[in-house]
């Protein structure tokens, strides 16, 4: 029997000939998406002591969840995200009012068939409709991906 599209994508991303259900692999991420919780991700990223993200062109950040900011804490989080984006030179940044992350990524051409995409949102699986393997992850996992690409 052949392999599923998920197995094919994960095998490619892991640099393996094949992967099987239940196997744990180190896979290189093609795209990492975060939204307003990028404030927490960037905080953890700094705490682990990394200076630069692994690939600023493979990170997309969209402010779309707490917009406009409904609390001082949310406004401060947005400010810290903007500062992090500037510090890291992340050009794939969409500020308040520029769209919803799960629409922005496909509409702007970031999502392509065969990609391994992770995002800090449970709806990241949306990109499966475009032939990608995509899944939601937590802030700590994303900070590690920003650091290593895996």
C-alpha atoms as a PDB file:
ATOM      1  CA  UNK A   1       0.000   0.000   0.000  1.00  0.00           C
ATOM      2  CA  UNK A   2       1.179   3.541  -0.732  1.00  0.00           C
ATOM      3  CA  UNK A   3       1.782   6.344   1.704  1.00  0.00           C
ATOM      4  CA  UNK A   4      -0.695   9.002   2.765  1.00  0.00           C
ATOM      5  CA  UNK A   5      -0.061  12.629   1.841  1.00  0.00           C
ATOM      6  CA  UNK A   6       0.743  13.301   5.507  1.00  0.00           C
ATOM      7  CA  UNK A   7       3.359  10.547   5.552  1.00  0.00           C
ATOM      8  CA  UNK A   8       4.898  11.856   2.326  1.00  0.00           C
ATOM      9  CA  UNK A   9       5.088  15.444   3.596  1.00  0.00           C
ATOM     10  CA  UNK A  10       6.499  14.445   6.983  1.00  0.00           C
ATOM     11  CA  UNK A  11       9.053  12.103   5.393  1.00  0.00           C
ATOM     12  CA  UNK A  12      10.266  14.901   3.112  1.00  0.00           C
ATOM     13  CA  UNK A  13      10.419  17.396   5.993  1.00  0.00           C
ATOM     14  CA  UNK A  14      12.314  14.886   8.137  1.00  0.00           C
ATOM     15  CA  UNK A  15      14.722  13.948   5.353  1.00  0.00           C
ATOM     16  CA  UNK A  16      13.630  10.342   5.710  1.00  0.00           C
ATOM     17  CA  UNK A  17      12.744   7.780   3.084  1.00  0.00           C
ATOM     18  CA  UNK A  18       9.533   7.039   4.914  1.00  0.00           C
ATOM     19  CA  UNK A  19       7.706   7.677   8.167  1.00  0.00           C
ATOM     20  CA  UNK A  20       4.999   5.623   9.816  1.00  0.00           C
ATOM     21  CA  UNK A  21       2.066   6.405  12.065  1.00  0.00           C
ATOM     22  CA  UNK A  22       3.205   6.710  15.671  1.00  0.00           C
ATOM     23  CA  UNK A  23       6.806   7.487  14.755  1.00  0.00           C
ATOM     24  CA  UNK A  24       8.410  10.611  16.244  1.00  0.00           C
ATOM     25  CA  UNK A  25      10.532  12.573  13.773  1.00  0.00           C
ATOM     26  CA  UNK A  26      12.516  15.812  13.685  1.00  0.00           C
ATOM     27  CA  UNK A  27      11.046  17.700  10.771  1.00  0.00           C
ATOM     28  CA  UNK A  28      12.087  20.974   9.170  1.00  0.00           C
ATOM     29  CA  UNK A  29       9.172  23.390   9.115  1.00  0.00           C
ATOM     30  CA  UNK A  30       8.365  25.180   5.855  1.00  0.00           C
ATOM     31  CA  UNK A  31       6.252  27.897   7.467  1.00  0.00           C
ATOM     32  CA  UNK A  32       5.513  29.008  11.036  1.00  0.00           C
ATOM     33  CA  UNK A  33       2.436  31.158  11.701  1.00  0.00           C
ATOM     34  CA  UNK A  34       1.544  32.997  14.865  1.00  0.00           C
ATOM     35  CA  UNK A  35      -0.989  35.654  15.786  1.00  0.00           C
ATOM     36  CA  UNK A  36      -1.445  37.841  18.854  1.00  0.00           C
ATOM     37  CA  UNK A  37       0.083  35.175  21.079  1.00  0.00           C
ATOM     38  CA  UNK A  38       3.406  35.881  19.347  1.00  0.00           C
ATOM     39  CA  UNK A  39       4.018  38.110  22.377  1.00  0.00           C
ATOM     40  CA  UNK A  40       4.236  35.001  24.556  1.00  0.00           C
ATOM     41  CA  UNK A  41       6.215  33.130  21.901  1.00  0.00           C
ATOM     42  CA  UNK A  42       8.767  35.959  21.645  1.00  0.00           C
ATOM     43  CA  UNK A  43       9.066  36.095  25.447  1.00  0.00           C
ATOM     44  CA  UNK A  44       9.873  32.369  25.581  1.00  0.00           C
ATOM     45  CA  UNK A  45      12.204  32.747  22.580  1.00  0.00           C
ATOM     46  CA  UNK A  46      14.208  35.366  24.471  1.00  0.00           C
ATOM     47  CA  UNK A  47      14.219  33.251  27.644  1.00  0.00           C
ATOM     48  CA  UNK A  48      15.857  30.325  25.851  1.00  0.00           C
ATOM     49  CA  UNK A  49      18.675  32.679  24.905  1.00  0.00           C
ATOM     50  CA  UNK A  50      18.531  32.763  21.122  1.00  0.00           C
ATOM     51  CA  UNK A  51      19.401  36.018  19.373  1.00  0.00           C
ATOM     52  CA  UNK A  52      17.958  35.505  15.892  1.00  0.00           C
ATOM     53  CA  UNK A  53      15.118  33.478  14.421  1.00  0.00           C
ATOM     54  CA  UNK A  54      16.211  30.591  12.214  1.00  0.00           C
ATOM     55  CA  UNK A  55      14.643  32.028   9.036  1.00  0.00           C
ATOM     56  CA  UNK A  56      12.752  35.321   9.151  1.00  0.00           C
ATOM     57  CA  UNK A  57      11.224  34.592   5.739  1.00  0.00           C
ATOM     58  CA  UNK A  58       9.476  31.453   6.996  1.00  0.00           C
ATOM     59  CA  UNK A  59       7.664  33.191   9.853  1.00  0.00           C
ATOM     60  CA  UNK A  60       4.315  34.925   9.367  1.00  0.00           C
ATOM     61  CA  UNK A  61       2.695  36.916  12.176  1.00  0.00           C
ATOM     62  CA  UNK A  62      -0.853  38.246  11.900  1.00  0.00           C
ATOM     63  CA  UNK A  63      -2.503  40.396  14.580  1.00  0.00           C
ATOM     64  CA  UNK A  64      -6.118  39.306  14.336  1.00  0.00           C
ATOM     65  CA  UNK A  65      -7.420  37.936  17.628  1.00  0.00           C
ATOM     66  CA  UNK A  66      -7.567  40.849  20.065  1.00  0.00           C
ATOM     67  CA  UNK A  67      -8.136  43.637  17.618  1.00  0.00           C
ATOM     68  CA  UNK A  68      -8.562  46.342  18.370  1.00  0.00           C
ATOM     69  CA  UNK A  69      -6.830  45.771  21.683  1.00  0.00           C
ATOM     70  CA  UNK A  70      -9.539  45.500  24.327  1.00  0.00           C
ATOM     71  CA  UNK A  71      -7.234  45.821  27.334  1.00  0.00           C
ATOM     72  CA  UNK A  72      -3.983  47.533  28.220  1.00  0.00           C
ATOM     73  CA  UNK A  73      -2.360  44.099  28.422  1.00  0.00           C
ATOM     74  CA  UNK A  74      -3.445  43.310  24.837  1.00  0.00           C
ATOM     75  CA  UNK A  75      -2.141  46.688  23.604  1.00  0.00           C
ATOM     76  CA  UNK A  76       1.188  46.047  25.329  1.00  0.00           C
ATOM     77  CA  UNK A  77       1.338  42.588  23.739  1.00  0.00           C
ATOM     78  CA  UNK A  78       0.767  44.109  20.287  1.00  0.00           C
ATOM     79  CA  UNK A  79       3.514  46.645  20.968  1.00  0.00           C
ATOM     80  CA  UNK A  80       5.964  43.933  22.014  1.00  0.00           C
ATOM     81  CA  UNK A  81       5.157  41.910  18.872  1.00  0.00           C
ATOM     82  CA  UNK A  82       5.819  44.926  16.648  1.00  0.00           C
ATOM     83  CA  UNK A  83       9.153  45.482  18.420  1.00  0.00           C
ATOM     84  CA  UNK A  84      10.123  41.819  18.007  1.00  0.00           C
ATOM     85  CA  UNK A  85       9.195  41.876  14.315  1.00  0.00           C
ATOM     86  CA  UNK A  86      11.398  44.951  13.784  1.00  0.00           C
ATOM     87  CA  UNK A  87      14.301  43.477  15.782  1.00  0.00           C
ATOM     88  CA  UNK A  88      14.206  40.222  13.837  1.00  0.00           C
ATOM     89  CA  UNK A  89      13.564  41.752  10.424  1.00  0.00           C
ATOM     90  CA  UNK A  90      10.397  39.710   9.932  1.00  0.00           C
ATOM     91  CA  UNK A  91       8.728  41.168   6.857  1.00  0.00           C
ATOM     92  CA  UNK A  92       5.765  38.786   6.814  1.00  0.00           C
ATOM     93  CA  UNK A  93       3.873  40.790   9.426  1.00  0.00           C
ATOM     94  CA  UNK A  94       0.216  41.770   9.138  1.00  0.00           C
ATOM     95  CA  UNK A  95      -0.929  44.373  11.613  1.00  0.00           C
ATOM     96  CA  UNK A  96      -4.413  45.021  12.955  1.00  0.00           C
ATOM     97  CA  UNK A  97      -7.046  45.171  10.233  1.00  0.00           C
ATOM     98  CA  UNK A  98      -4.991  43.442   7.546  1.00  0.00           C
ATOM     99  CA  UNK A  99      -6.883  40.152   7.758  1.00  0.00           C
ATOM    100  CA  UNK A 100      -7.467  36.911   9.607  1.00  0.00           C
ATOM    101  CA  UNK A 101      -4.441  34.621   9.766  1.00  0.00           C
ATOM    102  CA  UNK A 102      -6.156  31.605   8.223  1.00  0.00           C
ATOM    103  CA  UNK A 103      -7.244  33.673   5.224  1.00  0.00           C
ATOM    104  CA  UNK A 104      -4.116  35.834   4.931  1.00  0.00           C
ATOM    105  CA  UNK A 105      -1.713  32.915   4.510  1.00  0.00           C
ATOM    106  CA  UNK A 106      -3.445  31.266   1.525  1.00  0.00           C
ATOM    107  CA  UNK A 107      -4.529  34.552  -0.058  1.00  0.00           C
ATOM    108  CA  UNK A 108      -0.985  35.965   0.050  1.00  0.00           C
ATOM    109  CA  UNK A 109       0.475  32.769  -1.415  1.00  0.00           C
ATOM    110  CA  UNK A 110       2.309  31.465   1.634  1.00  0.00           C
ATOM    111  CA  UNK A 111       0.528  28.087   1.621  1.00  0.00           C
ATOM    112  CA  UNK A 112       1.475  25.584  -1.065  1.00  0.00           C
ATOM    113  CA  UNK A 113       0.793  21.867  -1.506  1.00  0.00           C
ATOM    114  CA  UNK A 114       3.317  19.629   0.202  1.00  0.00           C
ATOM    115  CA  UNK A 115       4.382  22.144   2.844  1.00  0.00           C
ATOM    116  CA  UNK A 116       4.765  21.429   6.559  1.00  0.00           C
ATOM    117  CA  UNK A 117       3.092  24.336   8.356  1.00  0.00           C
ATOM    118  CA  UNK A 118       2.715  24.906  12.080  1.00  0.00           C
ATOM    119  CA  UNK A 119       0.779  27.636  13.813  1.00  0.00           C
ATOM    120  CA  UNK A 120      -0.088  28.719  17.326  1.00  0.00           C
ATOM    121  CA  UNK A 121      -3.784  28.241  16.707  1.00  0.00           C
ATOM    122  CA  UNK A 122      -6.005  25.168  16.649  1.00  0.00           C
ATOM    123  CA  UNK A 123      -7.440  26.168  13.260  1.00  0.00           C
ATOM    124  CA  UNK A 124      -4.027  25.924  11.586  1.00  0.00           C
ATOM    125  CA  UNK A 125      -5.257  22.626  10.159  1.00  0.00           C
ATOM    126  CA  UNK A 126      -7.213  24.775   7.661  1.00  0.00           C
ATOM    127  CA  UNK A 127      -4.205  24.682   5.333  1.00  0.00           C
ATOM    128  CA  UNK A 128      -4.780  20.983   4.768  1.00  0.00           C
ATOM    129  CA  UNK A 129      -7.434  22.115   2.282  1.00  0.00           C
ATOM    130  CA  UNK A 130      -4.535  23.394   0.149  1.00  0.00           C
ATOM    131  CA  UNK A 131      -2.587  20.127   0.263  1.00  0.00           C
ATOM    132  CA  UNK A 132      -0.294  21.076   3.140  1.00  0.00           C
ATOM    133  CA  UNK A 133       0.300  19.185   6.372  1.00  0.00           C
ATOM    134  CA  UNK A 134      -0.553  21.736   9.024  1.00  0.00           C
ATOM    135  CA  UNK A 135      -1.154  21.565  12.732  1.00  0.00           C
ATOM    136  CA  UNK A 136      -1.524  23.739  15.787  1.00  0.00           C
ATOM    137  CA  UNK A 137       1.198  23.881  18.428  1.00  0.00           C
ATOM    138  CA  UNK A 138       1.826  25.702  21.694  1.00  0.00           C
ATOM    139  CA  UNK A 139       3.883  28.810  22.396  1.00  0.00           C
ATOM    140  CA  UNK A 140       6.882  26.898  23.777  1.00  0.00           C
ATOM    141  CA  UNK A 141       7.013  24.640  20.730  1.00  0.00           C
ATOM    142  CA  UNK A 142       6.789  27.671  18.448  1.00  0.00           C
ATOM    143  CA  UNK A 143       9.612  29.439  20.284  1.00  0.00           C
ATOM    144  CA  UNK A 144      11.783  26.381  19.672  1.00  0.00           C
ATOM    145  CA  UNK A 145      10.805  26.356  15.994  1.00  0.00           C
ATOM    146  CA  UNK A 146      11.652  30.050  15.692  1.00  0.00           C
ATOM    147  CA  UNK A 147      15.048  29.128  17.143  1.00  0.00           C
ATOM    148  CA  UNK A 148      15.801  25.948  15.187  1.00  0.00           C
ATOM    149  CA  UNK A 149      13.322  25.525  12.337  1.00  0.00           C
ATOM    150  CA  UNK A 150      12.401  22.082  13.701  1.00  0.00           C
END
